[in-house]
Amino acid sequence: MNTRYFQVFCFFLISALVIGCKDDVLPKPKSYLSLDYPEPKYKVFDRTCGYSFNYNILGNIIDKGNCNFDIEYPNLKATVYLNYKPVNKNINSLLRDAQKLTYEHVKKADEILEQPFVNRDKKTYGMFYEVGGNAASQSQFYLTDSVKHFLVGSVYFYAKPNYDSVLPASEYVKNDLRVLMESLKWK
């Protein structure tokens, strides 16, 4: 009888090893396209408004009136919204509104990084916000001279917010925003 139990035990042991040694079939994770964008080329944007700046020629500037402009990136399915407001002893209110706009994304954002911006030569001061996670806008900023001019900018994509899928385009536009901020001149 011992031989019979041994044979059954060996059969189950060998069966378990054969069945258990197979690789598990797992579904492949979702993947995203590896996108390459053209090297940016910048051009000066200078209208009759109180400011000028450099912008990537990949974007199309649309005049929204009252010195407000959109920079549309059709290939990236993104728009940079630029809203200008004159400062009339209301700098605190303008700063509060700009910060409120950014922090409305805190519900969906994983993090919001604040990066102060100061250019004493051009009398330009502000903040750049990098919003991480599935927020509607991944980059926002405001710039001011604290006396006459105030400019707010934000980037929105024409897609459901999915941080991983818009990340390459977001990084590309974020670099353009930095160039815009660094080149901005008040008139």
N, C-alpha and C. Protein backbone atom coordinates (compact mmCIF):
# COMPACT_ATOMS: atom_id res chain seq x y z
N MET A 1 0.80 -1.19 0.00
CA MET A 1 0.00 0.00 0.00
C MET A 1 0.85 1.27 0.00
N ASN A 2 1.98 1.23 0.64
CA ASN A 2 2.84 2.41 0.68
C ASN A 2 3.26 2.83 -0.72
N THR A 3 3.45 1.89 -1.59
CA THR A 3 3.86 2.21 -2.94
C THR A 3 2.74 2.96 -3.66
N ARG A 4 1.51 2.57 -3.41
CA ARG A 4 0.36 3.23 -4.04
C ARG A 4 0.28 4.69 -3.61
N TYR A 5 0.42 4.99 -2.31
CA TYR A 5 0.39 6.37 -1.81
C TYR A 5 1.55 7.17 -2.39
N PHE A 6 2.70 6.53 -2.48
CA PHE A 6 3.87 7.19 -3.04
C PHE A 6 3.65 7.55 -4.50
N GLN A 7 3.04 6.64 -5.28
CA GLN A 7 2.78 6.91 -6.69
C GLN A 7 1.78 8.07 -6.85
N VAL A 8 0.74 8.08 -6.05
CA VAL A 8 -0.27 9.16 -6.11
C VAL A 8 0.39 10.48 -5.71
N PHE A 9 1.18 10.45 -4.65
CA PHE A 9 1.88 11.66 -4.20
C PHE A 9 2.80 12.19 -5.29
N CYS A 10 3.58 11.30 -5.91
CA CYS A 10 4.49 11.71 -7.00
C CYS A 10 3.70 12.26 -8.18
N PHE A 11 2.56 11.66 -8.51
CA PHE A 11 1.74 12.16 -9.62
C PHE A 11 1.26 13.59 -9.36
N PHE A 12 0.75 13.84 -8.15
CA PHE A 12 0.27 15.19 -7.82
C PHE A 12 1.42 16.19 -7.73
N LEU A 13 2.56 15.77 -7.23
CA LEU A 13 3.72 16.64 -7.13
C LEU A 13 4.21 17.04 -8.52
N ILE A 14 4.34 16.07 -9.41
CA ILE A 14 4.80 16.35 -10.77
C ILE A 14 3.76 17.22 -11.50
N SER A 15 2.46 16.91 -11.32
CA SER A 15 1.39 17.71 -11.96
C SER A 15 1.44 19.15 -11.46
N ALA A 16 1.63 19.36 -10.17
CA ALA A 16 1.69 20.71 -9.61
C ALA A 16 2.89 21.47 -10.15
N LEU A 17 4.04 20.79 -10.28
CA LEU A 17 5.23 21.44 -10.82
C LEU A 17 5.04 21.83 -12.28
N VAL A 18 4.44 20.93 -13.05
CA VAL A 18 4.25 21.21 -14.48
C VAL A 18 3.25 22.36 -14.66
N ILE A 19 2.16 22.31 -13.96
CA ILE A 19 1.13 23.35 -14.08
C ILE A 19 1.62 24.66 -13.47
N GLY A 20 2.30 24.60 -12.34
CA GLY A 20 2.74 25.80 -11.63
C GLY A 20 3.93 26.49 -12.25
N CYS A 21 4.66 25.87 -13.13
CA CYS A 21 5.86 26.47 -13.70
C CYS A 21 5.60 27.26 -14.97
N LYS A 22 4.38 27.28 -15.43
CA LYS A 22 4.08 28.06 -16.62
C LYS A 22 4.04 29.54 -16.27
N ASP A 23 4.44 30.37 -17.23
CA ASP A 23 4.36 31.81 -17.02
C ASP A 23 2.90 32.22 -17.01
N ASP A 24 2.58 33.14 -16.09
CA ASP A 24 1.23 33.66 -16.06
C ASP A 24 1.00 34.56 -17.26
N VAL A 25 -0.17 34.46 -17.83
CA VAL A 25 -0.53 35.32 -18.94
C VAL A 25 -1.11 36.58 -18.35
N LEU A 26 -0.43 37.70 -18.60
CA LEU A 26 -0.88 38.98 -18.08
C LEU A 26 -1.21 39.91 -19.24
N PRO A 27 -2.25 40.72 -19.07
CA PRO A 27 -2.53 41.68 -20.14
C PRO A 27 -1.43 42.73 -20.20
N LYS A 28 -1.16 43.20 -21.40
CA LYS A 28 -0.14 44.23 -21.56
C LYS A 28 -0.69 45.56 -21.05
N PRO A 29 0.15 46.34 -20.38
CA PRO A 29 -0.33 47.64 -19.91
C PRO A 29 -0.56 48.58 -21.09
N LYS A 30 -1.42 49.57 -20.86
CA LYS A 30 -1.65 50.58 -21.89
C LYS A 30 -0.35 51.30 -22.15
N SER A 31 -0.12 51.65 -23.38
CA SER A 31 1.09 52.40 -23.70
C SER A 31 0.70 53.65 -24.47
N TYR A 32 1.63 54.58 -24.53
CA TYR A 32 1.39 55.84 -25.20
C TYR A 32 2.45 56.04 -26.28
N LEU A 33 2.09 56.81 -27.27
CA LEU A 33 3.00 57.06 -28.36
C LEU A 33 4.22 57.82 -27.90
N SER A 34 5.33 57.53 -28.48
CA SER A 34 6.53 58.31 -28.26
C SER A 34 6.52 59.41 -29.31
N LEU A 35 6.29 60.63 -28.86
CA LEU A 35 6.12 61.74 -29.79
C LEU A 35 7.36 62.61 -29.81
N ASP A 36 7.77 62.99 -31.00
CA ASP A 36 8.87 63.93 -31.16
C ASP A 36 8.30 65.19 -31.78
N TYR A 37 8.65 66.33 -31.20
CA TYR A 37 8.17 67.60 -31.70
C TYR A 37 9.32 68.35 -32.34
N PRO A 38 9.01 69.24 -33.27
CA PRO A 38 10.08 69.98 -33.95
C PRO A 38 10.81 70.91 -32.98
N GLU A 39 12.05 71.18 -33.32
CA GLU A 39 12.83 72.13 -32.53
C GLU A 39 12.10 73.48 -32.55
N PRO A 40 11.87 74.09 -31.39
CA PRO A 40 11.11 75.35 -31.39
C PRO A 40 11.89 76.49 -32.04
N LYS A 41 11.15 77.31 -32.76
CA LYS A 41 11.69 78.54 -33.36
C LYS A 41 10.82 79.67 -32.86
N TYR A 42 11.44 80.71 -32.34
CA TYR A 42 10.70 81.78 -31.68
C TYR A 42 10.70 83.06 -32.51
N LYS A 43 9.60 83.78 -32.36
CA LYS A 43 9.37 85.02 -33.06
C LYS A 43 8.83 86.03 -32.04
N VAL A 44 9.12 87.31 -32.25
CA VAL A 44 8.63 88.35 -31.33
C VAL A 44 7.18 88.67 -31.66
N PHE A 45 6.36 88.69 -30.63
CA PHE A 45 4.98 89.14 -30.75
C PHE A 45 4.89 90.52 -30.13
N ASP A 46 4.55 91.51 -30.94
CA ASP A 46 4.53 92.89 -30.46
C ASP A 46 3.35 93.61 -31.09
N ARG A 47 2.35 93.87 -30.29
CA ARG A 47 1.18 94.61 -30.76
C ARG A 47 1.09 95.92 -29.99
N THR A 48 -0.02 96.58 -30.07
CA THR A 48 -0.19 97.87 -29.42
C THR A 48 -0.51 97.73 -27.93
N CYS A 49 -0.46 96.53 -27.41
CA CYS A 49 -0.75 96.31 -25.98
C CYS A 49 0.46 96.70 -25.13
N GLY A 50 0.32 96.55 -23.86
CA GLY A 50 1.36 96.98 -22.93
C GLY A 50 2.50 96.00 -22.75
N TYR A 51 2.63 95.02 -23.65
CA TYR A 51 3.69 94.03 -23.49
C TYR A 51 4.04 93.39 -24.83
N SER A 52 5.21 92.78 -24.88
CA SER A 52 5.65 91.98 -26.03
C SER A 52 6.36 90.75 -25.48
N PHE A 53 6.48 89.72 -26.32
CA PHE A 53 7.11 88.48 -25.87
C PHE A 53 7.50 87.64 -27.07
N ASN A 54 8.32 86.63 -26.85
CA ASN A 54 8.68 85.67 -27.89
C ASN A 54 7.74 84.46 -27.78
N TYR A 55 7.34 83.95 -28.94
CA TYR A 55 6.48 82.77 -28.95
C TYR A 55 6.97 81.80 -30.02
N ASN A 56 6.63 80.55 -29.84
CA ASN A 56 6.99 79.48 -30.77
C ASN A 56 6.12 79.61 -32.02
N ILE A 57 6.75 79.62 -33.20
CA ILE A 57 5.98 79.78 -34.44
C ILE A 57 5.09 78.57 -34.73
N LEU A 58 5.24 77.49 -33.97
CA LEU A 58 4.34 76.35 -34.08
C LEU A 58 2.93 76.74 -33.62
N GLY A 59 2.85 77.78 -32.78
CA GLY A 59 1.57 78.26 -32.27
C GLY A 59 1.01 79.39 -33.12
N ASN A 60 -0.31 79.44 -33.18
CA ASN A 60 -1.01 80.52 -33.89
C ASN A 60 -1.62 81.46 -32.87
N ILE A 61 -1.32 82.76 -32.98
CA ILE A 61 -1.85 83.73 -32.03
C ILE A 61 -3.18 84.26 -32.52
N ILE A 62 -4.16 84.23 -31.62
CA ILE A 62 -5.50 84.72 -31.92
C ILE A 62 -5.81 85.86 -30.96
N ASP A 63 -6.18 87.01 -31.52
CA ASP A 63 -6.51 88.20 -30.74
C ASP A 63 -7.92 88.04 -30.18
N LYS A 64 -8.05 88.08 -28.86
CA LYS A 64 -9.35 87.95 -28.20
C LYS A 64 -9.90 89.31 -27.76
N GLY A 65 -9.17 90.37 -28.07
CA GLY A 65 -9.60 91.72 -27.69
C GLY A 65 -9.08 92.12 -26.33
N ASN A 66 -8.99 93.40 -26.08
CA ASN A 66 -8.53 93.96 -24.80
C ASN A 66 -7.18 93.43 -24.36
N CYS A 67 -6.28 93.22 -25.33
CA CYS A 67 -4.92 92.72 -25.07
C CYS A 67 -4.88 91.31 -24.50
N ASN A 68 -5.93 90.54 -24.73
CA ASN A 68 -5.98 89.12 -24.37
C ASN A 68 -5.75 88.31 -25.64
N PHE A 69 -4.93 87.26 -25.53
CA PHE A 69 -4.58 86.46 -26.70
C PHE A 69 -4.58 84.98 -26.35
N ASP A 70 -4.86 84.17 -27.37
CA ASP A 70 -4.71 82.72 -27.26
C ASP A 70 -3.59 82.32 -28.20
N ILE A 71 -2.76 81.40 -27.75
CA ILE A 71 -1.76 80.80 -28.62
C ILE A 71 -2.20 79.35 -28.82
N GLU A 72 -2.71 79.06 -30.01
CA GLU A 72 -3.21 77.71 -30.29
C GLU A 72 -2.11 76.87 -30.92
N TYR A 73 -1.98 75.66 -30.43
CA TYR A 73 -1.05 74.67 -30.96
C TYR A 73 -1.90 73.55 -31.58
N PRO A 74 -2.29 73.67 -32.85
CA PRO A 74 -3.17 72.66 -33.43
C PRO A 74 -2.58 71.26 -33.44
N ASN A 75 -1.27 71.13 -33.67
CA ASN A 75 -0.64 69.80 -33.70
C ASN A 75 -0.58 69.16 -32.33
N LEU A 76 -0.56 69.97 -31.28
CA LEU A 76 -0.49 69.44 -29.92
C LEU A 76 -1.86 69.39 -29.26
N LYS A 77 -2.86 69.95 -29.95
CA LYS A 77 -4.21 70.05 -29.40
C LYS A 77 -4.20 70.75 -28.05
N ALA A 78 -3.56 71.93 -28.05
CA ALA A 78 -3.41 72.72 -26.83
C ALA A 78 -3.59 74.19 -27.14
N THR A 79 -3.97 74.94 -26.10
CA THR A 79 -4.07 76.39 -26.20
C THR A 79 -3.49 77.02 -24.95
N VAL A 80 -2.71 78.08 -25.15
CA VAL A 80 -2.22 78.91 -24.06
C VAL A 80 -3.13 80.14 -24.03
N TYR A 81 -3.77 80.37 -22.93
CA TYR A 81 -4.65 81.52 -22.77
C TYR A 81 -3.89 82.61 -22.02
N LEU A 82 -3.78 83.79 -22.64
CA LEU A 82 -3.10 84.94 -22.03
C LEU A 82 -4.13 86.01 -21.75
N ASN A 83 -4.26 86.39 -20.48
CA ASN A 83 -5.22 87.40 -20.07
C ASN A 83 -4.48 88.56 -19.42
N TYR A 84 -4.66 89.73 -19.99
CA TYR A 84 -3.98 90.94 -19.53
C TYR A 84 -4.96 91.81 -18.75
N LYS A 85 -4.46 92.37 -17.65
CA LYS A 85 -5.25 93.31 -16.86
C LYS A 85 -4.35 94.46 -16.45
N PRO A 86 -4.83 95.69 -16.60
CA PRO A 86 -4.04 96.81 -16.09
C PRO A 86 -4.13 96.85 -14.56
N VAL A 87 -3.07 97.29 -13.94
CA VAL A 87 -3.05 97.41 -12.48
C VAL A 87 -3.53 98.81 -12.13
N ASN A 88 -4.61 98.88 -11.37
CA ASN A 88 -5.17 100.16 -10.91
C ASN A 88 -5.38 100.08 -9.39
N LYS A 89 -4.27 100.08 -8.66
CA LYS A 89 -4.32 99.95 -7.19
C LYS A 89 -5.05 98.68 -6.76
N ASN A 90 -5.01 97.63 -7.60
CA ASN A 90 -5.69 96.38 -7.29
C ASN A 90 -4.76 95.18 -7.40
N ILE A 91 -3.47 95.39 -7.18
CA ILE A 91 -2.50 94.30 -7.36
C ILE A 91 -2.80 93.11 -6.45
N ASN A 92 -3.22 93.37 -5.21
CA ASN A 92 -3.52 92.26 -4.29
C ASN A 92 -4.68 91.41 -4.80
N SER A 93 -5.70 92.05 -5.34
CA SER A 93 -6.84 91.33 -5.89
C SER A 93 -6.42 90.50 -7.12
N LEU A 94 -5.60 91.08 -7.98
CA LEU A 94 -5.13 90.36 -9.17
C LEU A 94 -4.27 89.16 -8.79
N LEU A 95 -3.40 89.33 -7.81
CA LEU A 95 -2.57 88.21 -7.33
C LEU A 95 -3.43 87.11 -6.74
N ARG A 96 -4.40 87.49 -5.94
CA ARG A 96 -5.29 86.52 -5.30
C ARG A 96 -6.07 85.73 -6.36
N ASP A 97 -6.57 86.43 -7.39
CA ASP A 97 -7.33 85.75 -8.45
C ASP A 97 -6.45 84.79 -9.24
N ALA A 98 -5.21 85.18 -9.53
CA ALA A 98 -4.29 84.31 -10.27
C ALA A 98 -3.96 83.06 -9.47
N GLN A 99 -3.73 83.23 -8.17
CA GLN A 99 -3.43 82.07 -7.33
C GLN A 99 -4.65 81.18 -7.16
N LYS A 100 -5.81 81.79 -7.05
CA LYS A 100 -7.05 81.02 -6.92
C LYS A 100 -7.29 80.16 -8.15
N LEU A 101 -7.02 80.73 -9.34
CA LEU A 101 -7.18 79.99 -10.59
C LEU A 101 -6.33 78.72 -10.57
N THR A 102 -5.09 78.84 -10.12
CA THR A 102 -4.21 77.67 -10.08
C THR A 102 -4.69 76.66 -9.05
N TYR A 103 -5.04 77.12 -7.88
CA TYR A 103 -5.37 76.19 -6.81
C TYR A 103 -6.77 75.59 -6.92
N GLU A 104 -7.54 76.01 -7.93
CA GLU A 104 -8.79 75.31 -8.22
C GLU A 104 -8.52 73.91 -8.75
N HIS A 105 -7.30 73.66 -9.24
CA HIS A 105 -6.93 72.35 -9.78
C HIS A 105 -6.45 71.39 -8.70
N VAL A 106 -6.42 71.84 -7.45
CA VAL A 106 -5.86 71.01 -6.38
C VAL A 106 -6.66 69.72 -6.18
N LYS A 107 -7.93 69.71 -6.57
CA LYS A 107 -8.75 68.50 -6.40
C LYS A 107 -8.22 67.34 -7.25
N LYS A 108 -7.73 67.64 -8.45
CA LYS A 108 -7.25 66.60 -9.36
C LYS A 108 -5.72 66.50 -9.39
N ALA A 109 -5.06 67.52 -8.91
CA ALA A 109 -3.59 67.58 -9.00
C ALA A 109 -2.94 66.68 -7.96
N ASP A 110 -1.82 66.06 -8.34
CA ASP A 110 -1.01 65.32 -7.38
C ASP A 110 -0.13 66.28 -6.60
N GLU A 111 0.31 67.33 -7.29
CA GLU A 111 1.15 68.34 -6.66
C GLU A 111 1.11 69.62 -7.48
N ILE A 112 1.41 70.73 -6.83
CA ILE A 112 1.54 72.01 -7.51
C ILE A 112 2.86 72.61 -7.06
N LEU A 113 3.78 72.73 -8.01
CA LEU A 113 5.09 73.31 -7.71
C LEU A 113 5.09 74.78 -8.07
N GLU A 114 5.43 75.62 -7.13
CA GLU A 114 5.51 77.06 -7.35
C GLU A 114 6.97 77.43 -7.61
N GLN A 115 7.20 78.15 -8.70
CA GLN A 115 8.56 78.59 -9.02
C GLN A 115 8.53 80.10 -9.23
N PRO A 116 9.04 80.85 -8.26
CA PRO A 116 9.05 82.32 -8.40
C PRO A 116 9.87 82.75 -9.61
N PHE A 117 9.45 83.84 -10.22
CA PHE A 117 10.15 84.39 -11.37
C PHE A 117 10.45 85.86 -11.10
N VAL A 118 11.72 86.23 -11.26
CA VAL A 118 12.15 87.62 -11.05
C VAL A 118 13.13 87.99 -12.15
N ASN A 119 12.81 89.09 -12.85
CA ASN A 119 13.73 89.66 -13.82
C ASN A 119 13.78 91.16 -13.53
N ARG A 120 14.74 91.55 -12.70
CA ARG A 120 14.83 92.95 -12.27
C ARG A 120 15.12 93.90 -13.43
N ASP A 121 15.91 93.44 -14.41
CA ASP A 121 16.24 94.29 -15.56
C ASP A 121 14.99 94.70 -16.34
N LYS A 122 14.05 93.77 -16.48
CA LYS A 122 12.83 94.06 -17.23
C LYS A 122 11.66 94.42 -16.31
N LYS A 123 11.94 94.49 -15.01
CA LYS A 123 10.90 94.79 -14.01
C LYS A 123 9.71 93.84 -14.14
N THR A 124 10.03 92.57 -14.21
CA THR A 124 9.02 91.53 -14.36
C THR A 124 9.13 90.56 -13.19
N TYR A 125 8.00 90.38 -12.50
CA TYR A 125 7.95 89.52 -11.32
C TYR A 125 6.72 88.61 -11.45
N GLY A 126 6.84 87.40 -10.98
CA GLY A 126 5.70 86.51 -11.07
C GLY A 126 5.94 85.15 -10.50
N MET A 127 5.10 84.23 -10.93
CA MET A 127 5.15 82.86 -10.44
C MET A 127 4.79 81.92 -11.58
N PHE A 128 5.54 80.81 -11.66
CA PHE A 128 5.23 79.75 -12.61
C PHE A 128 4.74 78.57 -11.80
N TYR A 129 3.59 78.02 -12.17
CA TYR A 129 3.02 76.87 -11.48
C TYR A 129 3.08 75.66 -12.39
N GLU A 130 3.66 74.60 -11.88
CA GLU A 130 3.68 73.32 -12.59
C GLU A 130 2.73 72.39 -11.83
N VAL A 131 1.68 71.98 -12.51
CA VAL A 131 0.64 71.18 -11.88
C VAL A 131 0.81 69.73 -12.31
N GLY A 132 1.05 68.84 -11.35
CA GLY A 132 1.22 67.42 -11.65
C GLY A 132 -0.07 66.66 -11.44
N GLY A 133 -0.26 65.61 -12.20
CA GLY A 133 -1.46 64.79 -12.06
C GLY A 133 -2.45 65.05 -13.17
N ASN A 134 -3.67 64.60 -12.97
CA ASN A 134 -4.70 64.67 -14.01
C ASN A 134 -5.52 65.96 -13.94
N ALA A 135 -4.86 67.05 -13.70
CA ALA A 135 -5.53 68.35 -13.66
C ALA A 135 -5.79 68.83 -15.09
N ALA A 136 -6.73 69.74 -15.23
CA ALA A 136 -7.09 70.25 -16.55
C ALA A 136 -5.97 71.08 -17.17
N SER A 137 -5.16 71.74 -16.34
CA SER A 137 -4.07 72.58 -16.83
C SER A 137 -2.78 72.17 -16.12
N GLN A 138 -1.74 71.85 -16.88
CA GLN A 138 -0.48 71.42 -16.28
C GLN A 138 0.48 72.57 -16.01
N SER A 139 0.27 73.72 -16.63
CA SER A 139 1.18 74.87 -16.44
C SER A 139 0.38 76.16 -16.42
N GLN A 140 0.73 77.01 -15.47
CA GLN A 140 0.11 78.32 -15.36
C GLN A 140 1.15 79.30 -14.85
N PHE A 141 0.91 80.58 -15.10
CA PHE A 141 1.83 81.60 -14.60
C PHE A 141 1.12 82.93 -14.49
N TYR A 142 1.75 83.83 -13.76
CA TYR A 142 1.37 85.24 -13.81
C TYR A 142 2.64 86.07 -13.78
N LEU A 143 2.58 87.23 -14.42
CA LEU A 143 3.69 88.18 -14.46
C LEU A 143 3.14 89.58 -14.23
N THR A 144 3.92 90.40 -13.58
CA THR A 144 3.50 91.78 -13.32
C THR A 144 4.72 92.66 -13.14
N ASP A 145 4.51 93.95 -13.31
CA ASP A 145 5.53 94.92 -12.93
C ASP A 145 5.12 95.57 -11.60
N SER A 146 3.99 95.16 -11.05
CA SER A 146 3.42 95.60 -9.77
C SER A 146 2.86 97.02 -9.82
N VAL A 147 2.97 97.72 -10.94
CA VAL A 147 2.54 99.11 -11.01
C VAL A 147 1.47 99.32 -12.08
N LYS A 148 1.70 98.79 -13.30
CA LYS A 148 0.79 99.06 -14.41
C LYS A 148 0.24 97.81 -15.09
N HIS A 149 1.00 96.73 -15.11
CA HIS A 149 0.67 95.58 -15.95
C HIS A 149 0.55 94.29 -15.14
N PHE A 150 -0.38 93.42 -15.60
CA PHE A 150 -0.56 92.10 -14.99
C PHE A 150 -1.00 91.14 -16.08
N LEU A 151 -0.28 90.03 -16.24
CA LEU A 151 -0.57 89.04 -17.28
C LEU A 151 -0.66 87.66 -16.64
N VAL A 152 -1.74 86.95 -16.96
CA VAL A 152 -1.94 85.58 -16.48
C VAL A 152 -1.96 84.66 -17.69
N GLY A 153 -1.30 83.50 -17.57
CA GLY A 153 -1.29 82.53 -18.65
C GLY A 153 -1.57 81.13 -18.14
N SER A 154 -2.27 80.34 -18.93
CA SER A 154 -2.55 78.95 -18.56
C SER A 154 -2.66 78.11 -19.82
N VAL A 155 -2.31 76.84 -19.70
CA VAL A 155 -2.32 75.90 -20.82
C VAL A 155 -3.43 74.88 -20.59
N TYR A 156 -4.21 74.65 -21.64
CA TYR A 156 -5.24 73.61 -21.60
C TYR A 156 -5.13 72.76 -22.87
N PHE A 157 -5.36 71.48 -22.72
CA PHE A 157 -5.34 70.53 -23.83
C PHE A 157 -6.77 70.12 -24.16
N TYR A 158 -7.00 69.82 -25.45
CA TYR A 158 -8.32 69.39 -25.90
C TYR A 158 -8.46 67.89 -25.71
N ALA A 159 -8.29 67.43 -24.52
CA ALA A 159 -8.37 66.00 -24.23
C ALA A 159 -8.74 65.82 -22.77
N LYS A 160 -9.26 64.66 -22.46
CA LYS A 160 -9.53 64.33 -21.06
C LYS A 160 -8.20 64.36 -20.32
N PRO A 161 -8.16 65.02 -19.16
CA PRO A 161 -6.88 65.11 -18.45
C PRO A 161 -6.33 63.74 -18.06
N ASN A 162 -5.26 63.34 -18.69
CA ASN A 162 -4.54 62.12 -18.36
C ASN A 162 -3.07 62.49 -18.41
N TYR A 163 -2.49 62.66 -17.25
CA TYR A 163 -1.15 63.22 -17.12
C TYR A 163 -0.12 62.48 -17.98
N ASP A 164 -0.17 61.17 -17.99
CA ASP A 164 0.81 60.40 -18.75
C ASP A 164 0.70 60.63 -20.25
N SER A 165 -0.53 60.74 -20.76
CA SER A 165 -0.69 60.86 -22.20
C SER A 165 -0.39 62.27 -22.71
N VAL A 166 -0.61 63.30 -21.90
CA VAL A 166 -0.32 64.67 -22.36
C VAL A 166 1.07 65.15 -21.92
N LEU A 167 1.79 64.32 -21.20
CA LEU A 167 3.09 64.74 -20.66
C LEU A 167 4.07 65.23 -21.73
N PRO A 168 4.28 64.52 -22.85
CA PRO A 168 5.24 65.04 -23.84
C PRO A 168 4.83 66.41 -24.38
N ALA A 169 3.57 66.57 -24.72
CA ALA A 169 3.09 67.86 -25.23
C ALA A 169 3.14 68.92 -24.14
N SER A 170 2.81 68.53 -22.93
CA SER A 170 2.84 69.47 -21.80
C SER A 170 4.26 70.00 -21.56
N GLU A 171 5.24 69.12 -21.63
CA GLU A 171 6.64 69.54 -21.44
C GLU A 171 7.08 70.49 -22.55
N TYR A 172 6.66 70.21 -23.76
CA TYR A 172 7.00 71.06 -24.91
C TYR A 172 6.44 72.47 -24.72
N VAL A 173 5.15 72.55 -24.38
CA VAL A 173 4.50 73.85 -24.20
C VAL A 173 5.04 74.55 -22.95
N LYS A 174 5.35 73.78 -21.92
CA LYS A 174 5.91 74.37 -20.70
C LYS A 174 7.22 75.10 -21.01
N ASN A 175 8.04 74.53 -21.85
CA ASN A 175 9.29 75.21 -22.25
C ASN A 175 8.99 76.50 -23.02
N ASP A 176 7.96 76.47 -23.86
CA ASP A 176 7.56 77.69 -24.57
C ASP A 176 7.08 78.76 -23.60
N LEU A 177 6.37 78.36 -22.55
CA LEU A 177 5.92 79.33 -21.55
C LEU A 177 7.10 79.97 -20.83
N ARG A 178 8.11 79.18 -20.56
CA ARG A 178 9.30 79.75 -19.90
C ARG A 178 9.98 80.78 -20.80
N VAL A 179 10.06 80.48 -22.10
CA VAL A 179 10.64 81.44 -23.04
C VAL A 179 9.78 82.71 -23.07
N LEU A 180 8.47 82.55 -23.10
CA LEU A 180 7.57 83.69 -23.09
C LEU A 180 7.81 84.55 -21.86
N MET A 181 7.88 83.91 -20.69
CA MET A 181 8.09 84.65 -19.44
C MET A 181 9.43 85.38 -19.44
N GLU A 182 10.48 84.70 -19.87
CA GLU A 182 11.82 85.29 -19.85
C GLU A 182 11.97 86.42 -20.86
N SER A 183 11.20 86.38 -21.95
CA SER A 183 11.34 87.39 -23.00
C SER A 183 10.35 88.54 -22.85
N LEU A 184 9.38 88.42 -21.94
CA LEU A 184 8.35 89.43 -21.82
C LEU A 184 8.93 90.80 -21.48
N LYS A 185 8.44 91.81 -22.20
CA LYS A 185 8.86 93.20 -21.95
C LYS A 185 7.61 94.05 -21.80
N TRP A 186 7.60 94.89 -20.78
CA TRP A 186 6.50 95.83 -20.59
C TRP A 186 6.79 97.08 -21.39
N LYS A 187 5.74 97.74 -21.85
CA LYS A 187 5.90 98.99 -22.61
C LYS A 187 5.49 100.17 -21.75
